[in-house]
C-alpha atoms as a PDB file:
ATOM      1  CA  MET A   1     -94.359-101.428 -89.146  1.00  0.00           C
ATOM      2  CA  SER A   2     -92.216-101.392 -85.533  1.00  0.00           C
ATOM      3  CA  ALA A   3     -93.459-101.671 -82.564  1.00  0.00           C
ATOM      4  CA  GLN A   4     -92.851 -99.262 -79.768  1.00  0.00           C
ATOM      5  CA  LEU A   5     -91.771-100.358 -75.988  1.00  0.00           C
ATOM      6  CA  PRO A   6     -93.628 -99.674 -73.764  1.00  0.00           C
ATOM      7  CA  GLN A   7     -92.298 -96.951 -71.176  1.00  0.00           C
ATOM      8  CA  ALA A   8     -91.834 -98.265 -67.428  1.00  0.00           C
ATOM      9  CA  PRO A   9     -93.923 -96.195 -65.627  1.00  0.00           C
ATOM     10  CA  GLY A  10     -92.611 -92.964 -63.175  1.00  0.00           C
ATOM     11  CA  LYS A  11     -89.716 -93.542 -63.755  1.00  0.00           C
ATOM     12  CA  LEU A  12     -87.310 -90.097 -62.218  1.00  0.00           C
ATOM     13  CA  THR A  13     -83.840 -88.975 -63.891  1.00  0.00           C
ATOM     14  CA  LEU A  14     -82.469 -85.963 -61.605  1.00  0.00           C
ATOM     15  CA  ASP A  15     -79.098 -84.839 -63.138  1.00  0.00           C
ATOM     16  CA  ALA A  16     -77.450 -82.719 -60.704  1.00  0.00           C
ATOM     17  CA  ARG A  17     -79.909 -80.347 -60.162  1.00  0.00           C
ATOM     18  CA  LYS A  18     -80.549 -79.054 -62.903  1.00  0.00           C
ATOM     19  CA  LYS A  19     -82.320 -80.828 -64.700  1.00  0.00           C
ATOM     20  CA  LEU A  20     -85.944 -83.687 -63.672  1.00  0.00           C
ATOM     21  CA  THR A  21     -86.768 -85.567 -66.414  1.00  0.00           C
ATOM     22  CA  LEU A  22     -89.721 -87.804 -65.855  1.00  0.00           C
ATOM     23  CA  THR A  23     -92.226 -90.103 -67.070  1.00  0.00           C
ATOM     24  CA  GLY A  24     -95.727 -91.229 -66.347  1.00  0.00           C
ATOM     25  CA  ALA A  25     -96.718 -87.376 -66.533  1.00  0.00           C
ATOM     26  CA  ARG A  26    -100.491 -87.503 -66.822  1.00  0.00           C
ATOM     27  CA  GLU A  27    -101.492 -83.900 -65.287  1.00  0.00           C
ATOM     28  CA  VAL A  28     -99.359 -80.384 -65.104  1.00  0.00           C
ATOM     29  CA  VAL A  29    -101.690 -78.902 -62.140  1.00  0.00           C
ATOM     30  CA  ARG A  30     -99.769 -75.827 -61.158  1.00  0.00           C
ATOM     31  CA  PHE A  31     -96.097 -73.979 -62.750  1.00  0.00           C
ATOM     32  CA  ASP A  32     -94.506 -71.572 -61.907  1.00  0.00           C
ATOM     33  CA  GLU A  33     -90.846 -70.164 -62.067  1.00  0.00           C
ATOM     34  CA  GLU A  34     -90.259 -72.303 -58.019  1.00  0.00           C
ATOM     35  CA  LEU A  35     -93.488 -74.994 -58.118  1.00  0.00           C
ATOM     36  CA  VAL A  36     -94.450 -77.611 -60.492  1.00  0.00           C
ATOM     37  CA  GLU A  37     -97.106 -79.668 -59.369  1.00  0.00           C
ATOM     38  CA  LEU A  38     -97.840 -82.249 -61.290  1.00  0.00           C
ATOM     39  CA  ASN A  39    -100.113 -85.509 -61.764  1.00  0.00           C
ATOM     40  CA  THR A  40     -98.503 -89.297 -62.219  1.00  0.00           C
ATOM     41  CA  ASP A  41     -99.613 -92.794 -62.994  1.00  0.00           C
ATOM     42  CA  LEU A  42     -97.758 -92.696 -59.269  1.00  0.00           C
ATOM     43  CA  GLY A  43     -99.546 -89.848 -57.665  1.00  0.00           C
ATOM     44  CA  ALA A  44     -99.098 -86.408 -56.876  1.00  0.00           C
ATOM     45  CA  LEU A  45     -95.095 -85.103 -56.820  1.00  0.00           C
ATOM     46  CA  THR A  46     -94.386 -81.208 -56.409  1.00  0.00           C
ATOM     47  CA  ILE A  47     -91.583 -80.102 -57.543  1.00  0.00           C
ATOM     48  CA  GLU A  48     -89.859 -77.343 -55.947  1.00  0.00           C
ATOM     49  CA  GLY A  49     -87.264 -74.931 -56.702  1.00  0.00           C
ATOM     50  CA  ARG A  50     -86.015 -71.140 -57.926  1.00  0.00           C
ATOM     51  CA  GLU A  51     -85.758 -70.578 -61.431  1.00  0.00           C
ATOM     52  CA  LEU A  52     -87.750 -73.542 -63.243  1.00  0.00           C
ATOM     53  CA  LYS A  53     -88.621 -73.403 -66.391  1.00  0.00           C
ATOM     54  CA  LEU A  54     -90.935 -76.956 -68.310  1.00  0.00           C
ATOM     55  CA  LYS A  55     -87.434 -77.853 -71.318  1.00  0.00           C
ATOM     56  CA  CYS A  56     -90.255 -80.233 -72.724  1.00  0.00           C
ATOM     57  CA  LEU A  57     -94.500 -80.783 -71.883  1.00  0.00           C
ATOM     58  CA  SER A  58     -95.371 -84.210 -73.910  1.00  0.00           C
ATOM     59  CA  LEU A  59     -98.951 -85.337 -71.986  1.00  0.00           C
ATOM     60  CA  ASP A  60     -99.316 -87.873 -74.623  1.00  0.00           C
ATOM     61  CA  ASP A  61     -96.741 -89.714 -73.673  1.00  0.00           C
ATOM     62  CA  GLY A  62     -96.126 -88.992 -70.749  1.00  0.00           C
ATOM     63  CA  THR A  63     -92.922 -86.827 -70.697  1.00  0.00           C
ATOM     64  CA  VAL A  64     -91.517 -84.109 -68.727  1.00  0.00           C
ATOM     65  CA  VAL A  65     -88.630 -82.206 -68.508  1.00  0.00           C
ATOM     66  CA  VAL A  66     -88.142 -79.745 -66.246  1.00  0.00           C
ATOM     67  CA  GLU A  67     -84.804 -77.225 -65.728  1.00  0.00           C
ATOM     68  CA  GLY A  68     -83.698 -74.915 -62.835  1.00  0.00           C
ATOM     69  CA  HIS A  69     -82.824 -74.953 -59.152  1.00  0.00           C
ATOM     70  CA  LEU A  70     -84.262 -78.283 -58.270  1.00  0.00           C
ATOM     71  CA  THR A  71     -84.338 -78.438 -54.175  1.00  0.00           C
ATOM     72  CA  GLY A  72     -86.864 -80.757 -53.281  1.00  0.00           C
ATOM     73  CA  LEU A  73     -88.938 -83.157 -54.682  1.00  0.00           C
ATOM     74  CA  HIS A  74     -92.446 -85.090 -52.880  1.00  0.00           C
ATOM     75  CA  TYR A  75     -94.903 -87.271 -54.683  1.00  0.00           C
ATOM     76  CA  GLU A  76     -97.927 -87.899 -52.065  1.00  0.00           C
ATOM     77  CA  GLU A  77     -99.672 -91.391 -51.842  1.00  0.00           C
ATOM     78  CA  PRO A  78    -102.307 -92.026 -54.781  1.00  0.00           C
ATOM     79  CA  ARG A  79    -105.594 -91.944 -52.868  1.00  0.00           C
ATOM     80  CA  GLN A  80    -107.719 -95.444 -52.186  1.00  0.00           C
ATOM     81  CA  ARG A  81    -111.025 -95.884 -53.372  1.00  0.00           C
ATOM     82  CA  LYS A  82    -113.062 -96.807 -50.553  1.00  0.00           C
ATOM     83  CA  GLY A  83    -116.506 -98.260 -51.759  1.00  0.00           C
ATOM     84  CA  LEU A  84    -120.095 -99.030 -50.175  1.00  0.00           C
ATOM     85  CA  TRP A  85    -118.355-101.969 -47.760  1.00  0.00           C
ATOM     86  CA  ARG A  86    -115.127-101.169 -46.723  1.00  0.00           C
END
């Protein structure tokens, strides 16, 4: 029996602005040829570009691969829950 090493949350690799590989994805919120919106372990991520294609999507292990002409990446900070006494 081989033990799997846990993946580091939120590893992002960009290759020549044409291929983005991401770990830590939880949900694809929106996808089209110009925009991909994801919920990740590190917050919401928006990927902008042209002719975007999801080449790999595995929410079981949190891996997403997007190919196309990437023009922008934007993370939103995770929202802090406010308790009754804060």
